[in-house]
N, C-alpha and C. Protein backbone atom coordinates (compact mmCIF):
# COMPACT_ATOMS: atom_id res chain seq x y z
N MET A 1 0.84 -1.17 0.00
CA MET A 1 0.00 0.00 0.00
C MET A 1 0.89 1.23 0.00
N LEU A 2 0.50 2.21 -0.77
CA LEU A 2 1.22 3.48 -0.81
C LEU A 2 0.91 4.30 0.43
N ILE A 3 1.87 5.09 0.86
CA ILE A 3 1.65 6.07 1.92
C ILE A 3 1.43 7.40 1.22
N PHE A 4 0.28 8.03 1.47
CA PHE A 4 -0.01 9.35 0.94
C PHE A 4 0.52 10.38 1.93
N ASN A 5 1.41 11.23 1.48
CA ASN A 5 2.08 12.19 2.37
C ASN A 5 1.27 13.48 2.50
N TYR A 6 0.10 13.35 3.08
CA TYR A 6 -0.81 14.48 3.33
C TYR A 6 -1.26 14.38 4.78
N LYS A 7 -1.48 15.51 5.43
CA LYS A 7 -1.82 15.53 6.84
C LYS A 7 -3.25 15.13 7.13
N SER A 8 -4.14 15.24 6.11
CA SER A 8 -5.54 14.92 6.34
C SER A 8 -6.22 14.60 5.01
N LYS A 9 -7.45 14.09 5.10
CA LYS A 9 -8.25 13.85 3.90
C LYS A 9 -8.49 15.16 3.17
N LYS A 10 -8.73 16.22 3.93
CA LYS A 10 -8.97 17.53 3.34
C LYS A 10 -7.75 18.00 2.57
N ASP A 11 -6.57 17.83 3.17
CA ASP A 11 -5.32 18.22 2.53
C ASP A 11 -5.14 17.46 1.21
N LEU A 12 -5.41 16.17 1.22
CA LEU A 12 -5.30 15.36 0.00
C LEU A 12 -6.28 15.85 -1.06
N SER A 13 -7.54 16.06 -0.67
CA SER A 13 -8.55 16.47 -1.65
C SER A 13 -8.29 17.88 -2.19
N GLU A 14 -7.61 18.73 -1.43
CA GLU A 14 -7.26 20.07 -1.92
C GLU A 14 -6.15 20.03 -2.96
N ASN A 15 -5.53 18.86 -3.16
CA ASN A 15 -4.45 18.72 -4.12
C ASN A 15 -4.90 18.09 -5.44
N ILE A 16 -6.22 18.01 -5.66
CA ILE A 16 -6.72 17.57 -6.96
C ILE A 16 -6.21 18.54 -8.01
N GLY A 17 -5.70 18.00 -9.12
CA GLY A 17 -5.11 18.82 -10.17
C GLY A 17 -3.59 18.93 -10.06
N LYS A 18 -3.02 18.31 -9.02
CA LYS A 18 -1.58 18.35 -8.79
C LYS A 18 -1.02 16.93 -8.78
N PRO A 19 0.30 16.77 -8.91
CA PRO A 19 0.91 15.44 -8.79
C PRO A 19 0.74 14.88 -7.37
N LEU A 20 0.71 13.56 -7.24
CA LEU A 20 0.55 12.88 -5.96
C LEU A 20 1.86 12.87 -5.19
N ASN A 21 1.82 13.23 -3.91
CA ASN A 21 2.96 13.14 -3.01
C ASN A 21 2.80 11.84 -2.24
N TYR A 22 3.68 10.87 -2.47
CA TYR A 22 3.50 9.53 -1.92
C TYR A 22 4.84 8.89 -1.57
N THR A 23 4.78 7.81 -0.81
CA THR A 23 5.95 6.99 -0.50
C THR A 23 5.62 5.55 -0.83
N GLU A 24 6.50 4.89 -1.57
CA GLU A 24 6.33 3.46 -1.87
C GLU A 24 6.65 2.64 -0.63
N THR A 25 5.87 1.60 -0.38
CA THR A 25 6.15 0.72 0.76
C THR A 25 6.31 -0.75 0.36
N SER A 26 5.99 -1.08 -0.88
CA SER A 26 6.01 -2.48 -1.31
C SER A 26 7.43 -2.98 -1.51
N MET A 27 7.71 -4.15 -0.98
CA MET A 27 9.01 -4.77 -1.23
C MET A 27 8.97 -5.64 -2.48
N PHE A 28 7.84 -5.66 -3.18
CA PHE A 28 7.67 -6.48 -4.38
C PHE A 28 7.69 -5.65 -5.65
N GLY A 29 8.07 -4.40 -5.57
CA GLY A 29 8.12 -3.54 -6.74
C GLY A 29 7.18 -2.36 -6.58
N PRO A 30 7.34 -1.36 -7.42
CA PRO A 30 6.54 -0.14 -7.32
C PRO A 30 5.05 -0.40 -7.52
N GLU A 31 4.23 0.28 -6.73
CA GLU A 31 2.78 0.22 -6.87
C GLU A 31 2.25 1.43 -7.65
N TYR A 32 3.04 2.48 -7.69
CA TYR A 32 2.60 3.72 -8.34
C TYR A 32 2.43 3.50 -9.84
N ARG A 33 1.33 4.04 -10.38
CA ARG A 33 1.07 4.05 -11.82
C ARG A 33 0.65 5.47 -12.19
N ALA A 34 1.06 5.93 -13.36
CA ALA A 34 0.74 7.29 -13.80
C ALA A 34 -0.74 7.46 -14.12
N ASN A 35 -1.42 6.37 -14.45
CA ASN A 35 -2.84 6.39 -14.80
C ASN A 35 -3.56 5.27 -14.08
N GLY A 36 -4.71 5.57 -13.52
CA GLY A 36 -5.50 4.54 -12.84
C GLY A 36 -5.79 4.90 -11.40
N VAL A 37 -6.30 3.90 -10.67
CA VAL A 37 -6.69 4.08 -9.27
C VAL A 37 -5.62 3.49 -8.37
N LEU A 38 -5.17 4.28 -7.40
CA LEU A 38 -4.19 3.84 -6.40
C LEU A 38 -4.86 3.85 -5.03
N VAL A 39 -4.53 2.86 -4.22
CA VAL A 39 -5.04 2.79 -2.86
C VAL A 39 -3.89 3.06 -1.91
N GLY A 40 -4.15 3.90 -0.92
CA GLY A 40 -3.10 4.22 0.03
C GLY A 40 -3.67 4.76 1.32
N SER A 41 -2.76 5.21 2.18
CA SER A 41 -3.17 5.69 3.49
C SER A 41 -2.16 6.69 4.03
N ASN A 42 -2.54 7.35 5.09
CA ASN A 42 -1.60 8.08 5.94
C ASN A 42 -1.67 7.37 7.28
N ARG A 43 -0.57 6.80 7.71
CA ARG A 43 -0.52 6.06 8.96
C ARG A 43 0.46 6.74 9.90
N PRO A 44 0.06 7.82 10.55
CA PRO A 44 1.01 8.59 11.36
C PRO A 44 1.63 7.81 12.51
N TYR A 45 0.96 6.79 13.00
CA TYR A 45 1.50 6.03 14.14
C TYR A 45 2.58 5.06 13.72
N SER A 46 2.53 4.58 12.47
CA SER A 46 3.51 3.59 12.04
C SER A 46 4.53 4.14 11.05
N THR A 47 4.29 5.32 10.49
CA THR A 47 5.22 5.87 9.50
C THR A 47 5.85 7.19 9.93
N GLU A 48 5.46 7.69 11.07
CA GLU A 48 5.93 8.96 11.59
C GLU A 48 5.53 10.15 10.72
N ASN A 49 4.56 9.94 9.79
CA ASN A 49 3.98 11.08 9.07
C ASN A 49 3.13 11.86 10.06
N LYS A 50 3.09 13.15 9.89
CA LYS A 50 2.24 13.96 10.76
C LYS A 50 0.81 13.96 10.23
N GLY A 51 -0.13 14.20 11.11
CA GLY A 51 -1.52 14.34 10.69
C GLY A 51 -2.41 13.21 11.16
N ARG A 52 -3.57 13.07 10.49
CA ARG A 52 -4.59 12.11 10.86
C ARG A 52 -4.48 10.85 10.02
N GLU A 53 -4.93 9.75 10.60
CA GLU A 53 -4.94 8.49 9.86
C GLU A 53 -6.13 8.46 8.91
N PHE A 54 -5.90 8.04 7.66
CA PHE A 54 -6.98 7.85 6.71
C PHE A 54 -6.56 6.86 5.64
N PHE A 55 -7.52 6.31 4.95
CA PHE A 55 -7.33 5.42 3.82
C PHE A 55 -8.06 6.02 2.64
N ALA A 56 -7.47 5.98 1.44
CA ALA A 56 -8.09 6.63 0.29
C ALA A 56 -7.79 5.89 -1.00
N GLU A 57 -8.66 6.12 -1.99
CA GLU A 57 -8.43 5.75 -3.37
C GLU A 57 -8.19 7.05 -4.13
N VAL A 58 -7.11 7.10 -4.89
CA VAL A 58 -6.79 8.28 -5.67
C VAL A 58 -6.76 7.87 -7.14
N THR A 59 -7.49 8.59 -7.97
CA THR A 59 -7.48 8.34 -9.40
C THR A 59 -6.54 9.34 -10.06
N LEU A 60 -5.60 8.82 -10.85
CA LEU A 60 -4.61 9.64 -11.53
C LEU A 60 -4.79 9.56 -13.04
N LYS A 61 -4.49 10.64 -13.72
CA LYS A 61 -4.41 10.65 -15.18
C LYS A 61 -3.18 11.47 -15.52
N ASN A 62 -2.22 10.83 -16.21
CA ASN A 62 -0.96 11.49 -16.58
C ASN A 62 -0.26 12.09 -15.36
N ASN A 63 -0.21 11.31 -14.27
CA ASN A 63 0.47 11.69 -13.02
C ASN A 63 -0.22 12.82 -12.24
N ILE A 64 -1.44 13.17 -12.60
CA ILE A 64 -2.18 14.25 -11.93
C ILE A 64 -3.40 13.66 -11.23
N ILE A 65 -3.65 14.08 -9.99
CA ILE A 65 -4.82 13.63 -9.23
C ILE A 65 -6.08 14.21 -9.88
N ILE A 66 -7.01 13.32 -10.27
CA ILE A 66 -8.27 13.82 -10.83
C ILE A 66 -9.47 13.51 -9.94
N LYS A 67 -9.31 12.56 -9.00
CA LYS A 67 -10.42 12.22 -8.10
C LYS A 67 -9.87 11.58 -6.84
N VAL A 68 -10.52 11.84 -5.71
CA VAL A 68 -10.14 11.24 -4.42
C VAL A 68 -11.39 10.65 -3.78
N ASN A 69 -11.32 9.39 -3.37
CA ASN A 69 -12.36 8.74 -2.57
C ASN A 69 -11.69 8.28 -1.29
N TRP A 70 -12.42 8.37 -0.19
CA TRP A 70 -11.86 7.81 1.04
C TRP A 70 -12.92 7.03 1.78
N LYS A 71 -12.42 6.08 2.58
CA LYS A 71 -13.30 5.24 3.38
C LYS A 71 -13.71 5.98 4.64
N ASN A 72 -14.99 5.89 4.95
CA ASN A 72 -15.49 6.40 6.22
C ASN A 72 -15.64 5.21 7.16
N PHE A 73 -15.12 5.35 8.35
CA PHE A 73 -15.20 4.28 9.34
C PHE A 73 -15.97 4.76 10.55
N LYS A 74 -16.68 3.85 11.16
CA LYS A 74 -17.36 4.13 12.41
C LYS A 74 -16.65 3.30 13.48
N TYR A 75 -16.21 3.94 14.52
CA TYR A 75 -15.53 3.25 15.60
C TYR A 75 -16.55 2.85 16.66
N ASN A 76 -16.46 1.62 17.12
CA ASN A 76 -17.33 1.16 18.20
C ASN A 76 -16.52 0.23 19.10
N GLN A 77 -17.11 -0.26 20.16
CA GLN A 77 -16.38 -1.09 21.12
C GLN A 77 -15.90 -2.39 20.51
N GLY A 78 -16.61 -2.90 19.52
CA GLY A 78 -16.22 -4.16 18.88
C GLY A 78 -15.16 -4.00 17.81
N GLY A 79 -14.75 -2.78 17.51
CA GLY A 79 -13.75 -2.54 16.48
C GLY A 79 -14.20 -1.47 15.51
N ILE A 80 -13.74 -1.59 14.28
CA ILE A 80 -14.03 -0.60 13.26
C ILE A 80 -15.07 -1.16 12.30
N THR A 81 -16.08 -0.39 12.00
CA THR A 81 -17.12 -0.79 11.06
C THR A 81 -17.03 0.09 9.82
N TYR A 82 -16.98 -0.52 8.65
CA TYR A 82 -16.95 0.20 7.40
C TYR A 82 -18.30 0.84 7.15
N GLU A 83 -18.34 2.10 6.72
CA GLU A 83 -19.59 2.77 6.40
C GLU A 83 -19.74 2.99 4.90
N SER A 84 -18.86 3.76 4.27
CA SER A 84 -19.05 4.06 2.86
C SER A 84 -17.80 4.75 2.30
N TRP A 85 -17.78 4.93 0.97
CA TRP A 85 -16.77 5.73 0.32
C TRP A 85 -17.34 7.13 0.13
N THR A 86 -16.52 8.14 0.30
CA THR A 86 -16.90 9.51 0.04
C THR A 86 -16.06 10.00 -1.13
N GLN A 87 -16.68 10.62 -2.10
CA GLN A 87 -15.96 11.06 -3.30
C GLN A 87 -15.77 12.57 -3.31
N PHE A 88 -14.58 13.00 -3.75
CA PHE A 88 -14.27 14.42 -3.96
C PHE A 88 -13.63 14.58 -5.30
């Protein structure tokens, strides 16, 4: 999974129209593609990135962000419950 180097979902969505700032984490080869949908996250507790934890799908065309979707989670005592994707 790619690490998206953005402090928040809002920060990521404000960068639509710009190149993606990311870090590769796969030991099996690059995951980044100039065109298509990429899945990634910001994991501040495990990567020392600053900001909030989130997971997102980013659609790229010619290395430019054209769409951002992120997962909404509901936290409860039994763990994390998936709610929906939000599109920007």
